[in-house]
Amino acid sequence: MEQSSVHPHPGRTMDVSPEQAEQRRIRGRGGVNAVIGGGLGALVLMWLLSVDRVSLSPWALVGGALPFVVAAVGLVEMGSGISIQRFGDAWGALHTWQRALFGMLVLVLTVLVLTGAAALAF
């Protein structure tokens, strides 16, 4: 019998725990959200490049950012295998100083990424 390079033990099924199945489902959903949000975000960027941005209201820009939020949530779920609701519950359980520290870290990283993106754009 020939050995498969994909599955080292043909004929044997691999048991998956309910927790692993849930992680796979969350990762799959996160991947779909990342792709859909990224695609819609690309369309929003193309639209922003084609219109006069000075005449846009701030609410149009906020609405244009929503696909990027969906993509970011999808990336978090896809990378961690943990739902965003569980992250929210864990965030609320942190002490105040921990939320402040992590919040500042996220803010600094966001500013660095946006500054890098702006530098690459010009």
PDB file of N, CA and C in Angstrom:
ATOM      1  N   MET A   1       0.845  -1.178   0.000  1.00  0.00           N
ATOM      2  CA  MET A   1       0.000   0.000   0.000  1.00  0.00           C
ATOM      3  C   MET A   1       0.887   1.236   0.000  1.00  0.00           C
ATOM      4  N   GLU A   2       0.557   2.219  -0.817  1.00  0.00           N
ATOM      5  CA  GLU A   2       1.367   3.417  -0.976  1.00  0.00           C
ATOM      6  C   GLU A   2       1.073   4.407   0.152  1.00  0.00           C
ATOM      7  N   GLN A   3       2.151   5.000   0.692  1.00  0.00           N
ATOM      8  CA  GLN A   3       2.029   5.968   1.780  1.00  0.00           C
ATOM      9  C   GLN A   3       1.682   7.346   1.198  1.00  0.00           C
ATOM     10  N   SER A   4       0.676   7.992   1.721  1.00  0.00           N
ATOM     11  CA  SER A   4       0.287   9.322   1.270  1.00  0.00           C
ATOM     12  C   SER A   4       1.191  10.364   1.913  1.00  0.00           C
ATOM     13  N   SER A   5       1.587  11.361   1.109  1.00  0.00           N
ATOM     14  CA  SER A   5       2.419  12.422   1.665  1.00  0.00           C
ATOM     15  C   SER A   5       1.582  13.448   2.427  1.00  0.00           C
ATOM     16  N   VAL A   6       0.289  13.463   2.153  1.00  0.00           N
ATOM     17  CA  VAL A   6      -0.578  14.423   2.829  1.00  0.00           C
ATOM     18  C   VAL A   6      -0.990  13.908   4.197  1.00  0.00           C
ATOM     19  N   HIS A   7      -1.375  12.656   4.272  1.00  0.00           N
ATOM     20  CA  HIS A   7      -1.812  12.068   5.527  1.00  0.00           C
ATOM     21  C   HIS A   7      -0.930  10.852   5.798  1.00  0.00           C
ATOM     22  N   PRO A   8      -0.131  10.896   6.853  1.00  0.00           N
ATOM     23  CA  PRO A   8       0.835   9.826   7.078  1.00  0.00           C
ATOM     24  C   PRO A   8       0.225   8.474   7.421  1.00  0.00           C
ATOM     25  N   HIS A   9      -1.016   8.456   7.855  1.00  0.00           N
ATOM     26  CA  HIS A   9      -1.660   7.196   8.238  1.00  0.00           C
ATOM     27  C   HIS A   9      -2.986   7.068   7.503  1.00  0.00           C
ATOM     28  N   PRO A  10      -2.955   6.578   6.260  1.00  0.00           N
ATOM     29  CA  PRO A  10      -4.218   6.464   5.528  1.00  0.00           C
ATOM     30  C   PRO A  10      -5.168   5.494   6.217  1.00  0.00           C
ATOM     31  N   GLY A  11      -6.417   5.812   6.151  1.00  0.00           N
ATOM     32  CA  GLY A  11      -7.418   4.962   6.772  1.00  0.00           C
ATOM     33  C   GLY A  11      -7.739   5.358   8.200  1.00  0.00           C
ATOM     34  N   ARG A  12      -6.862   6.096   8.859  1.00  0.00           N
ATOM     35  CA  ARG A  12      -7.126   6.551  10.231  1.00  0.00           C
ATOM     36  C   ARG A  12      -7.722   7.948  10.184  1.00  0.00           C
ATOM     37  N   THR A  13      -8.710   8.152  10.957  1.00  0.00           N
ATOM     38  CA  THR A  13      -9.295   9.483  11.041  1.00  0.00           C
ATOM     39  C   THR A  13      -8.708  10.201  12.251  1.00  0.00           C
ATOM     40  N   MET A  14      -8.549  11.482  12.101  1.00  0.00           N
ATOM     41  CA  MET A  14      -8.024  12.279  13.205  1.00  0.00           C
ATOM     42  C   MET A  14      -9.195  12.850  13.992  1.00  0.00           C
ATOM     43  N   ASP A  15      -9.222  12.557  15.274  1.00  0.00           N
ATOM     44  CA  ASP A  15     -10.283  13.072  16.126  1.00  0.00           C
ATOM     45  C   ASP A  15     -10.002  14.528  16.448  1.00  0.00           C
ATOM     46  N   VAL A  16     -11.037  15.323  16.370  1.00  0.00           N
ATOM     47  CA  VAL A  16     -10.939  16.742  16.664  1.00  0.00           C
ATOM     48  C   VAL A  16     -11.826  17.032  17.858  1.00  0.00           C
ATOM     49  N   SER A  17     -11.258  17.710  18.849  1.00  0.00           N
ATOM     50  CA  SER A  17     -12.040  18.040  20.029  1.00  0.00           C
ATOM     51  C   SER A  17     -13.054  19.132  19.684  1.00  0.00           C
ATOM     52  N   PRO A  18     -14.102  19.260  20.469  1.00  0.00           N
ATOM     53  CA  PRO A  18     -15.077  20.330  20.214  1.00  0.00           C
ATOM     54  C   PRO A  18     -14.436  21.722  20.261  1.00  0.00           C
ATOM     55  N   GLU A  19     -13.442  21.891  21.123  1.00  0.00           N
ATOM     56  CA  GLU A  19     -12.771  23.188  21.214  1.00  0.00           C
ATOM     57  C   GLU A  19     -12.002  23.486  19.925  1.00  0.00           C
ATOM     58  N   GLN A  20     -11.333  22.473  19.371  1.00  0.00           N
ATOM     59  CA  GLN A  20     -10.609  22.667  18.114  1.00  0.00           C
ATOM     60  C   GLN A  20     -11.578  22.932  16.965  1.00  0.00           C
ATOM     61  N   ALA A  21     -12.707  22.258  16.971  1.00  0.00           N
ATOM     62  CA  ALA A  21     -13.711  22.494  15.933  1.00  0.00           C
ATOM     63  C   ALA A  21     -14.240  23.916  16.015  1.00  0.00           C
ATOM     64  N   GLU A  22     -14.459  24.409  17.229  1.00  0.00           N
ATOM     65  CA  GLU A  22     -14.927  25.782  17.419  1.00  0.00           C
ATOM     66  C   GLU A  22     -13.871  26.777  16.941  1.00  0.00           C
ATOM     67  N   GLN A  23     -12.596  26.520  17.258  1.00  0.00           N
ATOM     68  CA  GLN A  23     -11.521  27.403  16.791  1.00  0.00           C
ATOM     69  C   GLN A  23     -11.459  27.433  15.271  1.00  0.00           C
ATOM     70  N   ARG A  24     -11.613  26.294  14.637  1.00  0.00           N
ATOM     71  CA  ARG A  24     -11.605  26.243  13.174  1.00  0.00           C
ATOM     72  C   ARG A  24     -12.759  27.046  12.603  1.00  0.00           C
ATOM     73  N   ARG A  25     -13.933  26.922  13.222  1.00  0.00           N
ATOM     74  CA  ARG A  25     -15.104  27.671  12.750  1.00  0.00           C
ATOM     75  C   ARG A  25     -14.878  29.172  12.888  1.00  0.00           C
ATOM     76  N   ILE A  26     -14.304  29.579  14.027  1.00  0.00           N
ATOM     77  CA  ILE A  26     -14.031  31.000  14.253  1.00  0.00           C
ATOM     78  C   ILE A  26     -12.967  31.497  13.282  1.00  0.00           C
ATOM     79  N   ARG A  27     -11.912  30.709  13.053  1.00  0.00           N
ATOM     80  CA  ARG A  27     -10.872  31.096  12.100  1.00  0.00           C
ATOM     81  C   ARG A  27     -11.437  31.218  10.690  1.00  0.00           C
ATOM     82  N   GLY A  28     -12.316  30.296  10.324  1.00  0.00           N
ATOM     83  CA  GLY A  28     -12.943  30.367   9.008  1.00  0.00           C
ATOM     84  C   GLY A  28     -13.796  31.613   8.856  1.00  0.00           C
ATOM     85  N   ARG A  29     -14.596  31.899   9.869  1.00  0.00           N
ATOM     86  CA  ARG A  29     -15.429  33.103   9.845  1.00  0.00           C
ATOM     87  C   ARG A  29     -14.557  34.349   9.806  1.00  0.00           C
ATOM     88  N   GLY A  30     -13.453  34.327  10.566  1.00  0.00           N
ATOM     89  CA  GLY A  30     -12.537  35.455  10.561  1.00  0.00           C
ATOM     90  C   GLY A  30     -11.889  35.655   9.201  1.00  0.00           C
ATOM     91  N   GLY A  31     -11.540  34.561   8.533  1.00  0.00           N
ATOM     92  CA  GLY A  31     -10.969  34.665   7.197  1.00  0.00           C
ATOM     93  C   GLY A  31     -11.945  35.271   6.205  1.00  0.00           C
ATOM     94  N   VAL A  32     -13.198  34.844   6.299  1.00  0.00           N
ATOM     95  CA  VAL A  32     -14.224  35.403   5.409  1.00  0.00           C
ATOM     96  C   VAL A  32     -14.397  36.895   5.686  1.00  0.00           C
ATOM     97  N   ASN A  33     -14.457  37.279   6.961  1.00  0.00           N
ATOM     98  CA  ASN A  33     -14.594  38.697   7.306  1.00  0.00           C
ATOM     99  C   ASN A  33     -13.398  39.505   6.830  1.00  0.00           C
ATOM    100  N   ALA A  34     -12.196  38.951   6.960  1.00  0.00           N
ATOM    101  CA  ALA A  34     -10.994  39.661   6.526  1.00  0.00           C
ATOM    102  C   ALA A  34     -11.011  39.879   5.022  1.00  0.00           C
ATOM    103  N   VAL A  35     -11.415  38.867   4.273  1.00  0.00           N
ATOM    104  CA  VAL A  35     -11.444  38.996   2.810  1.00  0.00           C
ATOM    105  C   VAL A  35     -12.530  39.978   2.375  1.00  0.00           C
ATOM    106  N   ILE A  36     -13.721  39.838   2.937  1.00  0.00           N
ATOM    107  CA  ILE A  36     -14.822  40.734   2.557  1.00  0.00           C
ATOM    108  C   ILE A  36     -14.508  42.167   2.978  1.00  0.00           C
ATOM    109  N   GLY A  37     -14.063  42.359   4.220  1.00  0.00           N
ATOM    110  CA  GLY A  37     -13.727  43.700   4.687  1.00  0.00           C
ATOM    111  C   GLY A  37     -12.578  44.306   3.899  1.00  0.00           C
ATOM    112  N   GLY A  38     -11.569  43.503   3.588  1.00  0.00           N
ATOM    113  CA  GLY A  38     -10.445  44.008   2.801  1.00  0.00           C
ATOM    114  C   GLY A  38     -10.865  44.383   1.390  1.00  0.00           C
ATOM    115  N   GLY A  39     -11.715  43.563   0.781  1.00  0.00           N
ATOM    116  CA  GLY A  39     -12.203  43.878  -0.569  1.00  0.00           C
ATOM    117  C   GLY A  39     -13.041  45.134  -0.596  1.00  0.00           C
ATOM    118  N   LEU A  40     -13.960  45.247   0.358  1.00  0.00           N
ATOM    119  CA  LEU A  40     -14.776  46.471   0.430  1.00  0.00           C
ATOM    120  C   LEU A  40     -13.912  47.683   0.773  1.00  0.00           C
ATOM    121  N   GLY A  41     -12.912  47.486   1.632  1.00  0.00           N
ATOM    122  CA  GLY A  41     -12.003  48.575   1.958  1.00  0.00           C
ATOM    123  C   GLY A  41     -11.221  49.041   0.745  1.00  0.00           C
ATOM    124  N   ALA A  42     -10.797  48.113  -0.106  1.00  0.00           N
ATOM    125  CA  ALA A  42     -10.099  48.489  -1.337  1.00  0.00           C
ATOM    126  C   ALA A  42     -11.018  49.307  -2.244  1.00  0.00           C
ATOM    127  N   LEU A  43     -12.293  48.911  -2.326  1.00  0.00           N
ATOM    128  CA  LEU A  43     -13.244  49.688  -3.121  1.00  0.00           C
ATOM    129  C   LEU A  43     -13.434  51.089  -2.545  1.00  0.00           C
ATOM    130  N   VAL A  44     -13.495  51.186  -1.223  1.00  0.00           N
ATOM    131  CA  VAL A  44     -13.631  52.498  -0.579  1.00  0.00           C
ATOM    132  C   VAL A  44     -12.411  53.366  -0.884  1.00  0.00           C
ATOM    133  N   LEU A  45     -11.220  52.769  -0.813  1.00  0.00           N
ATOM    134  CA  LEU A  45     -10.013  53.539  -1.127  1.00  0.00           C
ATOM    135  C   LEU A  45     -10.014  54.019  -2.574  1.00  0.00           C
ATOM    136  N   MET A  46     -10.434  53.158  -3.486  1.00  0.00           N
ATOM    137  CA  MET A  46     -10.502  53.579  -4.891  1.00  0.00           C
ATOM    138  C   MET A  46     -11.510  54.711  -5.059  1.00  0.00           C
ATOM    139  N   TRP A  47     -12.629  54.618  -4.346  1.00  0.00           N
ATOM    140  CA  TRP A  47     -13.625  55.686  -4.408  1.00  0.00           C
ATOM    141  C   TRP A  47     -13.060  56.984  -3.838  1.00  0.00           C
ATOM    142  N   LEU A  48     -12.347  56.882  -2.701  1.00  0.00           N
ATOM    143  CA  LEU A  48     -11.774  58.089  -2.099  1.00  0.00           C
ATOM    144  C   LEU A  48     -10.747  58.753  -3.012  1.00  0.00           C
ATOM    145  N   LEU A  49     -10.018  57.963  -3.763  1.00  0.00           N
ATOM    146  CA  LEU A  49      -9.033  58.522  -4.680  1.00  0.00           C
ATOM    147  C   LEU A  49      -9.679  59.169  -5.897  1.00  0.00           C
ATOM    148  N   SER A  50     -10.932  58.821  -6.193  1.00  0.00           N
ATOM    149  CA  SER A  50     -11.586  59.346  -7.388  1.00  0.00           C
ATOM    150  C   SER A  50     -12.485  60.550  -7.119  1.00  0.00           C
ATOM    151  N   VAL A  51     -12.731  60.902  -5.864  1.00  0.00           N
ATOM    152  CA  VAL A  51     -13.622  62.030  -5.552  1.00  0.00           C
ATOM    153  C   VAL A  51     -12.835  63.151  -4.892  1.00  0.00           C
ATOM    154  N   ASP A  52     -13.479  64.302  -4.816  1.00  0.00           N
ATOM    155  CA  ASP A  52     -12.886  65.447  -4.122  1.00  0.00           C
ATOM    156  C   ASP A  52     -13.108  65.261  -2.625  1.00  0.00           C
ATOM    157  N   ARG A  53     -12.038  64.900  -1.917  1.00  0.00           N
ATOM    158  CA  ARG A  53     -12.165  64.555  -0.500  1.00  0.00           C
ATOM    159  C   ARG A  53     -12.460  65.764   0.380  1.00  0.00           C
ATOM    160  N   VAL A  54     -12.201  66.962  -0.100  1.00  0.00           N
ATOM    161  CA  VAL A  54     -12.467  68.158   0.700  1.00  0.00           C
ATOM    162  C   VAL A  54     -13.968  68.345   0.900  1.00  0.00           C
ATOM    163  N   SER A  55     -14.753  67.956  -0.094  1.00  0.00           N
ATOM    164  CA  SER A  55     -16.204  68.166  -0.009  1.00  0.00           C
ATOM    165  C   SER A  55     -16.921  67.055   0.760  1.00  0.00           C
ATOM    166  N   LEU A  56     -16.211  66.028   1.178  1.00  0.00           N
ATOM    167  CA  LEU A  56     -16.847  64.927   1.907  1.00  0.00           C
ATOM    168  C   LEU A  56     -17.110  65.302   3.356  1.00  0.00           C
ATOM    169  N   SER A  57     -18.211  64.792   3.872  1.00  0.00           N
ATOM    170  CA  SER A  57     -18.491  65.009   5.289  1.00  0.00           C
ATOM    171  C   SER A  57     -17.667  64.022   6.117  1.00  0.00           C
ATOM    172  N   PRO A  58     -17.412  64.352   7.361  1.00  0.00           N
ATOM    173  CA  PRO A  58     -16.696  63.397   8.218  1.00  0.00           C
ATOM    174  C   PRO A  58     -17.431  62.071   8.366  1.00  0.00           C
ATOM    175  N   TRP A  59     -18.763  62.103   8.284  1.00  0.00           N
ATOM    176  CA  TRP A  59     -19.527  60.870   8.421  1.00  0.00           C
ATOM    177  C   TRP A  59     -19.301  59.941   7.237  1.00  0.00           C
ATOM    178  N   ALA A  60     -19.038  60.480   6.067  1.00  0.00           N
ATOM    179  CA  ALA A  60     -18.720  59.640   4.911  1.00  0.00           C
ATOM    180  C   ALA A  60     -17.396  58.925   5.134  1.00  0.00           C
ATOM    181  N   LEU A  61     -16.452  59.613   5.737  1.00  0.00           N
ATOM    182  CA  LEU A  61     -15.164  58.993   6.020  1.00  0.00           C
ATOM    183  C   LEU A  61     -15.281  57.934   7.110  1.00  0.00           C
ATOM    184  N   VAL A  62     -16.120  58.204   8.104  1.00  0.00           N
ATOM    185  CA  VAL A  62     -16.341  57.204   9.157  1.00  0.00           C
ATOM    186  C   VAL A  62     -17.007  55.970   8.552  1.00  0.00           C
ATOM    187  N   GLY A  63     -18.004  56.174   7.720  1.00  0.00           N
ATOM    188  CA  GLY A  63     -18.657  55.057   7.050  1.00  0.00           C
ATOM    189  C   GLY A  63     -17.693  54.294   6.148  1.00  0.00           C
ATOM    190  N   GLY A  64     -16.768  55.011   5.529  1.00  0.00           N
ATOM    191  CA  GLY A  64     -15.774  54.363   4.684  1.00  0.00           C
ATOM    192  C   GLY A  64     -14.773  53.538   5.465  1.00  0.00           C
ATOM    193  N   ALA A  65     -14.640  53.820   6.757  1.00  0.00           N
ATOM    194  CA  ALA A  65     -13.700  53.064   7.587  1.00  0.00           C
ATOM    195  C   ALA A  65     -14.292  51.753   8.095  1.00  0.00           C
ATOM    196  N   LEU A  66     -15.600  51.591   8.030  1.00  0.00           N
ATOM    197  CA  LEU A  66     -16.240  50.391   8.570  1.00  0.00           C
ATOM    198  C   LEU A  66     -15.746  49.084   7.929  1.00  0.00           C
ATOM    199  N   PRO A  67     -15.522  49.030   6.602  1.00  0.00           N
ATOM    200  CA  PRO A  67     -14.983  47.776   6.056  1.00  0.00           C
ATOM    201  C   PRO A  67     -13.620  47.405   6.655  1.00  0.00           C
ATOM    202  N   PHE A  68     -12.826  48.407   6.993  1.00  0.00           N
ATOM    203  CA  PHE A  68     -11.529  48.128   7.599  1.00  0.00           C
ATOM    204  C   PHE A  68     -11.682  47.579   9.019  1.00  0.00           C
ATOM    205  N   VAL A  69     -12.724  48.012   9.710  1.00  0.00           N
ATOM    206  CA  VAL A  69     -13.015  47.463  11.034  1.00  0.00           C
ATOM    207  C   VAL A  69     -13.399  45.985  10.909  1.00  0.00           C
ATOM    208  N   VAL A  70     -14.227  45.675   9.924  1.00  0.00           N
ATOM    209  CA  VAL A  70     -14.624  44.280   9.694  1.00  0.00           C
ATOM    210  C   VAL A  70     -13.390  43.441   9.365  1.00  0.00           C
ATOM    211  N   ALA A  71     -12.495  43.984   8.534  1.00  0.00           N
ATOM    212  CA  ALA A  71     -11.270  43.258   8.174  1.00  0.00           C
ATOM    213  C   ALA A  71     -10.380  43.061   9.399  1.00  0.00           C
ATOM    214  N   ALA A  72     -10.267  44.074  10.247  1.00  0.00           N
ATOM    215  CA  ALA A  72      -9.434  43.955  11.444  1.00  0.00           C
ATOM    216  C   ALA A  72      -9.996  42.910  12.406  1.00  0.00           C
ATOM    217  N   VAL A  73     -11.310  42.907  12.588  1.00  0.00           N
ATOM    218  CA  VAL A  73     -11.944  41.893  13.440  1.00  0.00           C
ATOM    219  C   VAL A  73     -11.695  40.508  12.855  1.00  0.00           C
ATOM    220  N   GLY A  74     -11.817  40.388  11.544  1.00  0.00           N
ATOM    221  CA  GLY A  74     -11.567  39.110  10.893  1.00  0.00           C
ATOM    222  C   GLY A  74     -10.137  38.642  11.079  1.00  0.00           C
ATOM    223  N   LEU A  75      -9.179  39.561  10.991  1.00  0.00           N
ATOM    224  CA  LEU A  75      -7.774  39.192  11.184  1.00  0.00           C
ATOM    225  C   LEU A  75      -7.515  38.727  12.613  1.00  0.00           C
ATOM    226  N   VAL A  76      -8.141  39.407  13.579  1.00  0.00           N
ATOM    227  CA  VAL A  76      -7.971  39.004  14.979  1.00  0.00           C
ATOM    228  C   VAL A  76      -8.546  37.610  15.198  1.00  0.00           C
ATOM    229  N   GLU A  77      -9.743  37.370  14.678  1.00  0.00           N
ATOM    230  CA  GLU A  77     -10.363  36.058  14.855  1.00  0.00           C
ATOM    231  C   GLU A  77      -9.597  34.975  14.110  1.00  0.00           C
ATOM    232  N   MET A  78      -9.140  35.290  12.903  1.00  0.00           N
ATOM    233  CA  MET A  78      -8.415  34.309  12.116  1.00  0.00           C
ATOM    234  C   MET A  78      -7.071  33.976  12.759  1.00  0.00           C
ATOM    235  N   GLY A  79      -6.404  34.965  13.292  1.00  0.00           N
ATOM    236  CA  GLY A  79      -5.099  34.732  13.884  1.00  0.00           C
ATOM    237  C   GLY A  79      -5.137  34.052  15.232  1.00  0.00           C
ATOM    238  N   SER A  80      -6.183  34.310  16.001  1.00  0.00           N
ATOM    239  CA  SER A  80      -6.224  33.791  17.364  1.00  0.00           C
ATOM    240  C   SER A  80      -7.131  32.577  17.535  1.00  0.00           C
ATOM    241  N   GLY A  81      -8.158  32.474  16.709  1.00  0.00           N
ATOM    242  CA  GLY A  81      -9.130  31.403  16.898  1.00  0.00           C
ATOM    243  C   GLY A  81     -10.097  31.689  18.031  1.00  0.00           C
ATOM    244  N   ILE A  82     -10.106  32.921  18.499  1.00  0.00           N
ATOM    245  CA  ILE A  82     -10.977  33.340  19.596  1.00  0.00           C
ATOM    246  C   ILE A  82     -11.933  34.392  19.056  1.00  0.00           C
ATOM    247  N   SER A  83     -13.210  34.285  19.395  1.00  0.00           N
ATOM    248  CA  SER A  83     -14.192  35.236  18.886  1.00  0.00           C
ATOM    249  C   SER A  83     -13.955  36.620  19.486  1.00  0.00           C
ATOM    250  N   ILE A  84     -14.396  37.624  18.764  1.00  0.00           N
ATOM    251  CA  ILE A  84     -14.206  39.005  19.209  1.00  0.00           C
ATOM    252  C   ILE A  84     -15.031  39.276  20.473  1.00  0.00           C
ATOM    253  N   GLN A  85     -16.153  38.565  20.657  1.00  0.00           N
ATOM    254  CA  GLN A  85     -16.945  38.731  21.875  1.00  0.00           C
ATOM    255  C   GLN A  85     -16.151  38.257  23.092  1.00  0.00           C
ATOM    256  N   ARG A  86     -15.417  37.174  22.927  1.00  0.00           N
ATOM    257  CA  ARG A  86     -14.599  36.674  24.035  1.00  0.00           C
ATOM    258  C   ARG A  86     -13.472  37.649  24.365  1.00  0.00           C
ATOM    259  N   PHE A  87     -12.901  38.271  23.321  1.00  0.00           N
ATOM    260  CA  PHE A  87     -11.900  39.306  23.569  1.00  0.00           C
ATOM    261  C   PHE A  87     -12.504  40.462  24.352  1.00  0.00           C
ATOM    262  N   GLY A  88     -13.737  40.850  24.000  1.00  0.00           N
ATOM    263  CA  GLY A  88     -14.406  41.937  24.715  1.00  0.00           C
ATOM    264  C   GLY A  88     -14.649  41.596  26.174  1.00  0.00           C
ATOM    265  N   ASP A  89     -15.030  40.356  26.430  1.00  0.00           N
ATOM    266  CA  ASP A  89     -15.241  39.925  27.816  1.00  0.00           C
ATOM    267  C   ASP A  89     -13.927  39.951  28.593  1.00  0.00           C
ATOM    268  N   ALA A  90     -12.845  39.496  27.953  1.00  0.00           N
ATOM    269  CA  ALA A  90     -11.539  39.485  28.617  1.00  0.00           C
ATOM    270  C   ALA A  90     -11.055  40.910  28.859  1.00  0.00           C
ATOM    271  N   TRP A  91     -11.330  41.834  27.924  1.00  0.00           N
ATOM    272  CA  TRP A  91     -10.924  43.223  28.086  1.00  0.00           C
ATOM    273  C   TRP A  91     -11.614  43.831  29.302  1.00  0.00           C
ATOM    274  N   GLY A  92     -12.902  43.552  29.450  1.00  0.00           N
ATOM    275  CA  GLY A  92     -13.642  44.078  30.601  1.00  0.00           C
ATOM    276  C   GLY A  92     -13.172  43.506  31.927  1.00  0.00           C
ATOM    277  N   ALA A  93     -12.575  42.330  31.906  1.00  0.00           N
ATOM    278  CA  ALA A  93     -12.103  41.703  33.138  1.00  0.00           C
ATOM    279  C   ALA A  93     -10.727  42.212  33.572  1.00  0.00           C
ATOM    280  N   LEU A  94     -10.056  42.986  32.704  1.00  0.00           N
ATOM    281  CA  LEU A  94      -8.728  43.506  33.068  1.00  0.00           C
ATOM    282  C   LEU A  94      -8.841  44.600  34.113  1.00  0.00           C
ATOM    283  N   HIS A  95      -7.768  44.795  34.868  1.00  0.00           N
ATOM    284  CA  HIS A  95      -7.691  45.917  35.791  1.00  0.00           C
ATOM    285  C   HIS A  95      -7.551  47.208  34.995  1.00  0.00           C
ATOM    286  N   THR A  96      -7.858  48.327  35.635  1.00  0.00           N
ATOM    287  CA  THR A  96      -7.798  49.618  34.955  1.00  0.00           C
ATOM    288  C   THR A  96      -6.408  49.905  34.412  1.00  0.00           C
ATOM    289  N   TRP A  97      -5.366  49.635  35.199  1.00  0.00           N
ATOM    290  CA  TRP A  97      -4.018  49.925  34.738  1.00  0.00           C
ATOM    291  C   TRP A  97      -3.630  49.046  33.552  1.00  0.00           C
ATOM    292  N   GLN A  98      -4.162  47.815  33.494  1.00  0.00           N
ATOM    293  CA  GLN A  98      -3.875  46.936  32.363  1.00  0.00           C
ATOM    294  C   GLN A  98      -4.566  47.433  31.097  1.00  0.00           C
ATOM    295  N   ARG A  99      -5.810  47.885  31.237  1.00  0.00           N
ATOM    296  CA  ARG A  99      -6.510  48.442  30.074  1.00  0.00           C
ATOM    297  C   ARG A  99      -5.807  49.685  29.571  1.00  0.00           C
ATOM    298  N   ALA A 100      -5.335  50.532  30.494  1.00  0.00           N
ATOM    299  CA  ALA A 100      -4.617  51.744  30.094  1.00  0.00           C
ATOM    300  C   ALA A 100      -3.317  51.399  29.376  1.00  0.00           C
ATOM    301  N   LEU A 101      -2.578  50.436  29.902  1.00  0.00           N
ATOM    302  CA  LEU A 101      -1.312  50.046  29.293  1.00  0.00           C
ATOM    303  C   LEU A 101      -1.527  49.457  27.900  1.00  0.00           C
ATOM    304  N   PHE A 102      -2.456  48.515  27.774  1.00  0.00           N
ATOM    305  CA  PHE A 102      -2.724  47.909  26.475  1.00  0.00           C
ATOM    306  C   PHE A 102      -3.343  48.916  25.504  1.00  0.00           C
ATOM    307  N   GLY A 103      -4.175  49.793  25.996  1.00  0.00           N
ATOM    308  CA  GLY A 103      -4.759  50.829  25.147  1.00  0.00           C
ATOM    309  C   GLY A 103      -3.698  51.748  24.584  1.00  0.00           C
ATOM    310  N   MET A 104      -2.743  52.144  25.413  1.00  0.00           N
ATOM    311  CA  MET A 104      -1.644  52.989  24.929  1.00  0.00           C
ATOM    312  C   MET A 104      -0.784  52.238  23.918  1.00  0.00           C
ATOM    313  N   LEU A 105      -0.558  50.960  24.158  1.00  0.00           N
ATOM    314  CA  LEU A 105       0.219  50.148  23.221  1.00  0.00           C
ATOM    315  C   LEU A 105      -0.476  50.076  21.860  1.00  0.00           C
ATOM    316  N   VAL A 106      -1.773  49.851  21.871  1.00  0.00           N
ATOM    317  CA  VAL A 106      -2.538  49.803  20.617  1.00  0.00           C
ATOM    318  C   VAL A 106      -2.496  51.163  19.928  1.00  0.00           C
ATOM    319  N   LEU A 107      -2.625  52.235  20.687  1.00  0.00           N
ATOM    320  CA  LEU A 107      -2.578  53.581  20.114  1.00  0.00           C
ATOM    321  C   LEU A 107      -1.227  53.858  19.459  1.00  0.00           C
ATOM    322  N   VAL A 108      -0.135  53.536  20.149  1.00  0.00           N
ATOM    323  CA  VAL A 108       1.195  53.773  19.611  1.00  0.00           C
ATOM    324  C   VAL A 108       1.426  52.937  18.353  1.00  0.00           C
ATOM    325  N   LEU A 109       1.033  51.681  18.389  1.00  0.00           N
ATOM    326  CA  LEU A 109       1.196  50.826  17.209  1.00  0.00           C
ATOM    327  C   LEU A 109       0.370  51.333  16.030  1.00  0.00           C
ATOM    328  N   THR A 110      -0.830  51.795  16.301  1.00  0.00           N
ATOM    329  CA  THR A 110      -1.681  52.331  15.245  1.00  0.00           C
ATOM    330  C   THR A 110      -1.060  53.572  14.627  1.00  0.00           C
ATOM    331  N   VAL A 111      -0.554  54.475  15.453  1.00  0.00           N
ATOM    332  CA  VAL A 111       0.086  55.687  14.938  1.00  0.00           C
ATOM    333  C   VAL A 111       1.316  55.329  14.102  1.00  0.00           C
ATOM    334  N   LEU A 112       2.097  54.355  14.553  1.00  0.00           N
ATOM    335  CA  LEU A 112       3.268  53.933  13.789  1.00  0.00           C
ATOM    336  C   LEU A 112       2.877  53.344  12.437  1.00  0.00           C
ATOM    337  N   VAL A 113       1.848  52.514  12.426  1.00  0.00           N
ATOM    338  CA  VAL A 113       1.402  51.917  11.161  1.00  0.00           C
ATOM    339  C   VAL A 113       0.865  52.986  10.219  1.00  0.00           C
ATOM    340  N   LEU A 114       0.044  53.895  10.736  1.00  0.00           N
ATOM    341  CA  LEU A 114      -0.507  54.957   9.886  1.00  0.00           C
ATOM    342  C   LEU A 114       0.581  55.902   9.394  1.00  0.00           C
ATOM    343  N   THR A 115       1.552  56.206  10.230  1.00  0.00           N
ATOM    344  CA  THR A 115       2.657  57.073   9.812  1.00  0.00           C
ATOM    345  C   THR A 115       3.482  56.382   8.721  1.00  0.00           C
ATOM    346  N   GLY A 116       3.723  55.093   8.907  1.00  0.00           N
ATOM    347  CA  GLY A 116       4.440  54.344   7.878  1.00  0.00           C
ATOM    348  C   GLY A 116       3.672  54.288   6.574  1.00  0.00           C
ATOM    349  N   ALA A 117       2.357  54.088   6.650  1.00  0.00           N
ATOM    350  CA  ALA A 117       1.528  54.056   5.443  1.00  0.00           C
ATOM    351  C   ALA A 117       1.525  55.407   4.748  1.00  0.00           C
ATOM    352  N   ALA A 118       1.447  56.481   5.536  1.00  0.00           N
ATOM    353  CA  ALA A 118       1.462  57.822   4.947  1.00  0.00           C
ATOM    354  C   ALA A 118       2.812  58.104   4.303  1.00  0.00           C
ATOM    355  N   ALA A 119       3.898  57.664   4.940  1.00  0.00           N
ATOM    356  CA  ALA A 119       5.230  57.874   4.370  1.00  0.00           C
ATOM    357  C   ALA A 119       5.384  57.102   3.056  1.00  0.00           C
ATOM    358  N   LEU A 120       4.825  55.907   2.986  1.00  0.00           N
ATOM    359  CA  LEU A 120       4.905  55.130   1.752  1.00  0.00           C
ATOM    360  C   LEU A 120       4.023  55.711   0.659  1.00  0.00           C
ATOM    361  N   ALA A 121       2.941  56.372   1.033  1.00  0.00           N
ATOM    362  CA  ALA A 121       2.009  56.933   0.053  1.00  0.00           C
ATOM    363  C   ALA A 121       2.572  58.160  -0.641  1.00  0.00           C
ATOM    364  N   PHE A 122       3.496  58.859   0.013  1.00  0.00           N
ATOM    365  CA  PHE A 122       4.038  60.087  -0.583  1.00  0.00           C
ATOM    366  C   PHE A 122       5.442  59.916  -0.945  1.00  0.00           C
TER     367      PHE A 122
END
